[in-house]
Protein backbone atom coordinates (compact mmCIF):
# COMPACT_ATOMS: atom_id res chain seq x y z
CA MET A 1 -17.84 227.41 46.67
CA SER A 2 -16.89 224.81 44.06
CA ASP A 3 -14.44 226.07 41.62
CA VAL A 4 -15.83 227.68 38.18
CA SER A 5 -13.37 225.40 36.49
CA THR A 6 -14.65 222.60 37.67
CA TRP A 7 -17.15 222.65 35.47
CA THR A 8 -15.84 221.98 31.76
CA GLU A 9 -17.63 221.07 28.42
CA ASP A 10 -16.86 217.62 29.18
CA ARG A 11 -18.26 217.31 32.74
CA VAL A 12 -21.11 219.42 31.74
CA GLU A 13 -22.22 217.05 28.70
CA LEU A 14 -21.67 214.67 30.91
CA LEU A 15 -24.02 215.95 33.45
CA LYS A 16 -26.36 216.60 30.44
CA LYS A 17 -26.51 213.00 29.90
CA LEU A 18 -26.66 211.44 33.41
CA TRP A 19 -28.85 213.31 33.77
CA ASN A 20 -31.19 212.67 31.20
CA ASP A 21 -30.74 208.73 31.63
CA GLY A 22 -32.73 209.30 35.02
CA LEU A 23 -29.62 209.58 37.41
CA SER A 24 -30.31 211.07 40.75
CA ALA A 25 -28.25 214.56 41.38
CA SER A 26 -26.12 212.35 44.31
CA GLN A 27 -26.03 209.75 41.47
CA ILE A 28 -24.10 212.53 38.76
CA ALA A 29 -22.39 213.69 41.39
CA GLY A 30 -20.79 210.21 42.90
CA GLU A 31 -20.03 209.91 38.72
CA LEU A 32 -18.49 213.25 38.59
CA GLY A 33 -16.52 213.17 41.48
CA GLY A 34 -15.34 216.56 42.86
CA VAL A 35 -18.82 217.94 42.66
CA THR A 36 -21.15 217.59 45.69
CA ARG A 37 -24.94 216.39 45.50
CA ASN A 38 -26.02 220.83 45.45
CA ALA A 39 -23.44 221.38 42.61
CA VAL A 40 -24.91 219.18 41.13
CA ILE A 41 -28.47 220.77 41.46
CA GLY A 42 -27.07 224.28 40.75
CA LYS A 43 -25.71 223.42 37.32
CA VAL A 44 -28.25 221.95 36.24
CA HIS A 45 -31.36 225.09 37.05
CA ARG A 46 -28.69 226.56 35.61
CA LEU A 47 -28.40 224.91 32.12
CA GLY A 48 -32.13 224.79 32.27
CA LEU A 49 -32.54 220.81 32.63
CA SER A 50 -35.41 221.30 34.62
CA GLY A 51 -37.32 218.39 32.54
CA ARG A 52 -36.72 214.60 32.92
CA ALA A 53 -36.43 211.55 30.47
CA LYS A 54 -39.88 209.77 31.59
CA THR A 55 -40.11 205.65 31.43
CA GLN A 56 -42.89 205.61 29.43
CA SER A 57 -45.11 208.14 27.94
CA VAL A 58 -48.52 207.84 29.36
CA SER A 59 -51.65 209.73 26.86
CA ALA A 60 -54.85 210.92 28.60
CA SER A 61 -56.42 208.73 26.31
CA ALA A 62 -54.47 205.26 28.33
CA VAL A 63 -54.98 206.09 31.62
CA ARG A 64 -56.57 203.21 32.67
CA PRO A 65 -58.96 203.43 35.68
CA ARG A 66 -57.41 202.90 38.90
CA LYS A 67 -58.17 199.81 41.64
CA PRO A 68 -59.00 202.09 44.70
CA ALA A 69 -56.07 201.59 47.06
CA ALA A 70 -56.40 200.22 50.05
CA SER A 71 -56.54 201.41 53.29
CA ARG A 72 -53.07 201.34 55.76
CA THR A 73 -54.80 199.17 57.99
CA SER A 74 -56.58 196.68 55.92
CA PRO A 75 -54.55 193.64 56.01
CA ALA A 76 -53.69 193.82 52.03
CA PHE A 77 -51.92 197.15 52.60
CA ASN A 78 -48.05 196.44 51.78
CA ALA A 79 -46.19 199.60 53.05
CA ALA A 80 -43.14 199.15 50.68
CA ALA A 81 -45.09 198.90 47.83
CA HIS A 82 -46.81 202.53 48.56
CA VAL A 83 -43.28 204.01 49.06
CA ARG A 84 -42.58 206.61 46.51
CA GLY A 85 -39.36 208.05 46.78
CA SER A 86 -36.33 206.96 48.73
CA ALA A 87 -36.56 203.61 50.46
CA ALA A 88 -34.88 204.66 53.34
CA LEU A 89 -37.60 206.86 54.83
CA ALA A 90 -40.27 203.94 54.20
CA PRO A 91 -42.29 202.93 56.84
CA GLN A 92 -41.06 199.62 58.81
CA ILE A 93 -43.83 198.02 60.29
CA ARG A 94 -43.25 195.40 62.28
CA ALA A 95 -45.22 192.40 64.16
CA GLN A 96 -46.50 193.53 67.22
CA PRO A 97 -45.10 191.51 70.02
CA GLU A 98 -47.75 188.96 71.97
CA PRO A 99 -48.77 190.03 75.22
CA ARG A 100 -46.93 188.84 78.00
CA ALA A 101 -48.71 188.45 81.51
CA GLU A 102 -48.36 190.43 84.37
CA PRO A 103 -46.31 187.97 86.38
CA ARG A 104 -47.70 188.02 89.45
CA MET A 105 -46.58 189.80 93.19
CA GLU A 106 -47.25 186.54 95.66
CA LEU A 107 -44.49 184.57 93.50
CA LEU A 108 -41.61 187.83 93.40
CA ASP A 109 -39.05 187.32 96.13
CA PRO A 110 -38.82 190.04 98.77
CA ASP A 111 -35.23 190.71 98.16
CA VAL A 112 -35.81 191.29 94.44
CA VAL A 113 -38.57 194.08 95.00
CA VAL A 114 -37.20 197.04 95.83
CA PRO A 115 -39.69 199.46 98.10
CA PHE A 116 -40.78 202.50 97.68
CA SER A 117 -38.94 205.16 99.25
CA GLU A 118 -40.04 208.67 100.54
CA ARG A 119 -36.91 210.34 98.91
CA VAL A 120 -36.43 213.84 101.64
CA THR A 121 -33.66 216.07 101.78
CA ILE A 122 -31.21 216.17 104.11
CA MET A 123 -33.33 219.11 106.49
CA GLU A 124 -36.40 216.28 106.54
CA LEU A 125 -34.21 213.91 107.34
CA LYS A 126 -35.12 212.45 110.80
CA GLU A 127 -33.75 209.88 113.32
CA ASN A 128 -35.44 206.79 112.26
CA MET A 129 -35.78 207.04 108.81
CA CYS A 130 -32.49 205.54 106.20
CA ARG A 131 -29.89 207.52 104.80
CA TRP A 132 -29.22 205.49 101.63
CA PRO A 133 -28.28 208.26 99.62
CA MET A 134 -30.53 208.44 96.11
CA GLY A 135 -29.05 210.33 92.86
CA ASP A 136 -25.92 212.21 92.52
CA PRO A 137 -25.09 214.73 95.11
CA THR A 138 -24.13 217.39 93.19
CA HIS A 139 -27.39 217.84 91.52
CA ALA A 140 -30.62 219.76 92.86
CA ASP A 141 -32.31 216.52 93.18
CA PHE A 142 -30.36 214.78 95.29
CA ARG A 143 -32.59 212.79 97.61
CA PHE A 144 -32.42 210.06 100.91
CA CYS A 145 -34.74 206.85 101.08
CA GLY A 146 -36.30 208.16 104.10
CA LEU A 147 -37.71 204.78 104.44
CA LYS A 148 -38.60 204.13 108.48
CA THR A 149 -35.60 202.01 109.95
CA ASP A 150 -34.48 199.28 113.19
CA SER A 151 -33.03 201.56 115.43
CA GLY A 152 -29.52 202.07 115.85
CA VAL A 153 -29.17 201.55 111.32
CA PRO A 154 -29.07 203.74 109.30
CA TYR A 155 -30.35 201.85 106.68
CA CYS A 156 -34.05 200.65 105.66
CA GLY A 157 -34.16 196.92 105.61
CA TYR A 158 -33.69 196.91 101.76
CA HIS A 159 -30.23 198.92 101.68
CA CYS A 160 -29.42 196.91 104.52
CA ARG A 161 -29.49 194.10 102.36
CA ILE A 162 -27.06 195.86 99.99
CA ALA A 163 -24.63 197.83 102.23
CA TYR A 164 -23.64 195.05 105.01
CA GLN A 165 -23.14 191.95 103.21
CA PRO A 166 -21.86 188.48 104.59
CA ALA A 167 -17.82 188.28 105.08
CA GLY A 168 -18.00 184.88 103.75
CA ASP A 169 -19.32 186.65 100.53
CA ARG A 170 -17.73 189.22 100.70
CA ARG A 171 -13.74 186.89 100.96
CA ARG A 172 -15.13 184.07 98.56
CA GLU A 173 -15.01 187.35 95.95
CA GLN A 174 -11.81 188.73 96.89
CA GLU A 175 -10.44 185.35 96.34
CA ARG A 176 -11.82 185.13 93.17
CA ARG A 177 -10.75 188.57 91.70
CA ALA A 178 -7.20 187.57 93.07
CA GLN A 179 -6.75 184.29 91.14
CA GLN A 180 -7.93 186.52 87.86
CA GLN A 181 -5.22 188.97 89.11
CA ALA A 182 -2.95 185.89 89.42
CA SER A 183 -4.35 183.89 86.30
CA ARG A 184 -3.36 186.96 83.76
CA ALA A 185 0.42 187.71 85.30
């Protein structure tokens, strides 16, 4: 609740002047300081200042016939010119992106393609199914991959490539990390 003493006679006069000059309630609140936009609106209503200064008085006889408005779909439509009020709510019209050609499946590397999984629960998991966990084990939608595996391997071909990396790659990665840590020290 605002303090009653914030509306001194000088501040009320300034409020009236700024309101009649056409400033918004937010702008007036900023000019006055110490009051909110809502406090300004409330005071304006209590003072009965509903009328605003008009930029141009137009008599009924001076009204010119209007041109038909361009439809929103026509190329002549300018969204920025048709916005009333705050420009922050104006529609942002962007050019549509060029359609991209669909990738051809025969060009994709089989190591990049992620196979569809069966997504089985632990109760549905059989001996020859992939045991790669999918999701968070604490959630009800937790599942295992479930694709067919080679005998003696717990994962399908795709998940084997992720789980079992060549030792040389791991060694190079460990050496690279050790060099980075040594350079930081």
